[in-house]
Amino acid sequence: MAIVEMELNKIRIDENRGEQVIVLKEKHGGRILPIVIGIMEATSIKMKISGVNPPRPMTHDLFYNAITQLGAKMDKMIINKLENNTFFAKLIMSVDSRIEEVDARPSDSIAIAIRAKAPIFVDEQVLENISNSA
């Protein structure tokens, strides 16, 4: 599986459709990947990148704190599949000397990756499928 490193480019609100869209941009190229996400995930991502620290941990903070306190490290997240207009992702974590993969929604994965300062990747096939359908 060939993967392409991406970075968070922007979060858009489509007021006509009532949707939040996160846009990932290829780190060393020009391709983009827009993903519709929920309001809670968009808020969580916006809060973190804006430096807002809530008085108590929000859900993504809680998950990140739990994995680190249990001795795991988030190495990266990968959007690895597009099926029936739904993106799939996985968190890649190191636990002791082994690698664990955890199935997750892309929006949650990105929110956690931002907290972990972990790189964001997309499978090349997903990017090609998006390019071919545009």
Protein backbone atom coordinates (compact mmCIF):
# COMPACT_ATOMS: atom_id res chain seq x y z
CA MET A 1 0.00 0.00 0.00
CA ALA A 2 1.45 3.35 -1.08
CA ILE A 3 0.51 6.22 1.21
CA VAL A 4 0.73 9.98 0.71
CA GLU A 5 1.39 12.42 3.55
CA MET A 6 -1.26 15.10 3.90
CA GLU A 7 -1.75 18.12 6.14
CA LEU A 8 -4.77 19.89 7.48
CA ASN A 9 -5.45 22.71 5.05
CA LYS A 10 -8.75 24.16 6.27
CA ILE A 11 -12.12 23.53 7.81
CA ARG A 12 -15.06 24.94 5.88
CA ILE A 13 -18.66 25.37 6.85
CA ASP A 14 -21.10 24.86 3.98
CA GLU A 15 -24.01 26.89 5.32
CA ASN A 16 -26.27 25.98 2.41
CA ARG A 17 -26.01 22.28 3.21
CA GLY A 18 -25.30 22.55 6.94
CA GLU A 19 -22.08 20.55 6.62
CA GLN A 20 -18.57 20.93 7.96
CA VAL A 21 -15.84 19.94 5.54
CA ILE A 22 -12.24 19.30 6.49
CA VAL A 23 -9.78 19.71 3.63
CA LEU A 24 -6.53 17.79 3.60
CA LYS A 25 -3.81 18.88 1.18
CA GLU A 26 -0.96 16.76 -0.11
CA LYS A 27 2.15 17.80 1.83
CA HIS A 28 4.46 17.63 -1.18
CA GLY A 29 2.00 18.16 -4.01
CA GLY A 30 -1.24 19.79 -4.99
CA ARG A 31 -3.93 17.17 -4.46
CA ILE A 32 -6.63 17.83 -1.89
CA LEU A 33 -9.10 15.61 -0.10
CA PRO A 34 -12.33 17.14 1.23
CA ILE A 35 -14.15 15.10 3.89
CA VAL A 36 -17.55 15.92 5.38
CA ILE A 37 -17.36 15.68 9.18
CA GLY A 38 -19.69 16.20 12.11
CA ILE A 39 -20.02 19.41 14.08
CA MET A 40 -18.51 17.86 17.23
CA GLU A 41 -15.40 16.68 15.40
CA ALA A 42 -15.03 20.01 13.59
CA THR A 43 -15.32 21.85 16.91
CA SER A 44 -12.76 19.55 18.53
CA ILE A 45 -10.25 20.09 15.72
CA LYS A 46 -10.84 23.86 15.64
CA MET A 47 -10.40 24.13 19.41
CA LYS A 48 -7.07 22.29 19.35
CA ILE A 49 -5.56 24.19 16.42
CA SER A 50 -6.77 27.47 17.96
CA GLY A 51 -5.06 26.66 21.26
CA VAL A 52 -8.31 26.55 23.25
CA ASN A 53 -7.93 24.28 26.28
CA PRO A 54 -11.23 23.32 27.92
CA PRO A 55 -11.25 23.03 31.72
CA ARG A 56 -11.97 19.28 31.47
CA PRO A 57 -10.87 16.87 28.72
CA MET A 58 -13.13 16.60 25.71
CA THR A 59 -13.61 13.17 24.08
CA HIS A 60 -10.58 13.34 21.75
CA ASP A 61 -8.40 14.68 24.57
CA LEU A 62 -9.60 11.85 26.80
CA PHE A 63 -8.74 9.21 24.21
CA TYR A 64 -5.33 10.71 23.53
CA ASN A 65 -4.59 10.98 27.26
CA ALA A 66 -5.67 7.38 27.82
CA ILE A 67 -3.45 5.93 25.09
CA THR A 68 -0.40 7.90 26.24
CA GLN A 69 -0.92 7.10 29.92
CA LEU A 70 -1.18 3.42 29.00
CA GLY A 71 2.23 3.65 27.34
CA ALA A 72 1.14 3.75 23.70
CA LYS A 73 2.28 6.26 21.09
CA MET A 74 0.29 7.27 18.05
CA ASP A 75 2.67 6.95 15.11
CA LYS A 76 0.33 8.06 12.32
CA MET A 77 -3.19 7.85 10.98
CA ILE A 78 -4.13 6.61 7.54
CA ILE A 79 -7.30 7.14 5.55
CA ASN A 80 -7.13 3.76 3.90
CA LYS A 81 -10.41 3.16 2.12
CA LEU A 82 -13.37 4.80 0.39
CA GLU A 83 -16.44 2.62 0.14
CA ASN A 84 -19.98 3.76 -0.79
CA ASN A 85 -18.95 7.41 -0.32
CA THR A 86 -17.69 6.67 3.21
CA PHE A 87 -14.05 7.12 4.18
CA PHE A 88 -12.37 4.64 6.53
CA ALA A 89 -9.26 5.25 8.60
CA LYS A 90 -7.01 3.58 11.09
CA LEU A 91 -4.79 4.77 13.89
CA ILE A 92 -1.33 3.21 13.89
CA MET A 93 0.06 3.01 17.41
CA SER A 94 3.20 1.61 19.01
CA VAL A 95 2.62 -0.29 22.21
CA ASP A 96 5.81 -1.63 23.78
CA SER A 97 7.52 -3.39 20.87
CA ARG A 98 4.44 -4.07 18.77
CA ILE A 99 2.37 -2.06 16.28
CA GLU A 100 -1.40 -1.92 16.72
CA GLU A 101 -3.96 -0.71 14.16
CA VAL A 102 -7.28 0.65 15.40
CA ASP A 103 -10.25 1.18 13.07
CA ALA A 104 -11.59 4.73 13.34
CA ARG A 105 -13.53 7.40 11.52
CA PRO A 106 -11.30 9.87 9.65
CA SER A 107 -12.69 12.84 11.56
CA ASP A 108 -11.87 11.28 14.94
CA SER A 109 -8.50 10.10 13.64
CA ILE A 110 -7.56 13.60 12.51
CA ALA A 111 -8.69 15.12 15.82
CA ILE A 112 -6.48 12.64 17.70
CA ALA A 113 -3.54 12.94 15.27
CA ILE A 114 -3.49 16.71 15.80
CA ARG A 115 -3.25 16.16 19.56
CA ALA A 116 -0.51 13.56 19.13
CA LYS A 117 1.34 15.66 16.53
CA ALA A 118 1.23 12.53 14.39
CA PRO A 119 1.36 12.62 10.59
CA ILE A 120 -1.77 12.19 8.49
CA PHE A 121 -1.64 9.88 5.47
CA VAL A 122 -4.06 8.87 2.73
CA ASP A 123 -3.79 5.71 0.67
CA GLU A 124 -2.78 6.55 -2.90
CA GLN A 125 -5.72 4.50 -4.22
CA VAL A 126 -8.18 6.67 -2.26
CA LEU A 127 -6.68 9.84 -3.77
CA GLU A 128 -6.82 8.32 -7.25
CA ASN A 129 -10.48 7.30 -6.76
CA ILE A 130 -11.35 10.86 -5.68
CA SER A 131 -9.47 12.36 -8.66
CA ASN A 132 -11.19 9.99 -11.09
CA SER A 133 -14.66 10.75 -9.74
CA ALA A 134 -14.21 14.54 -9.80
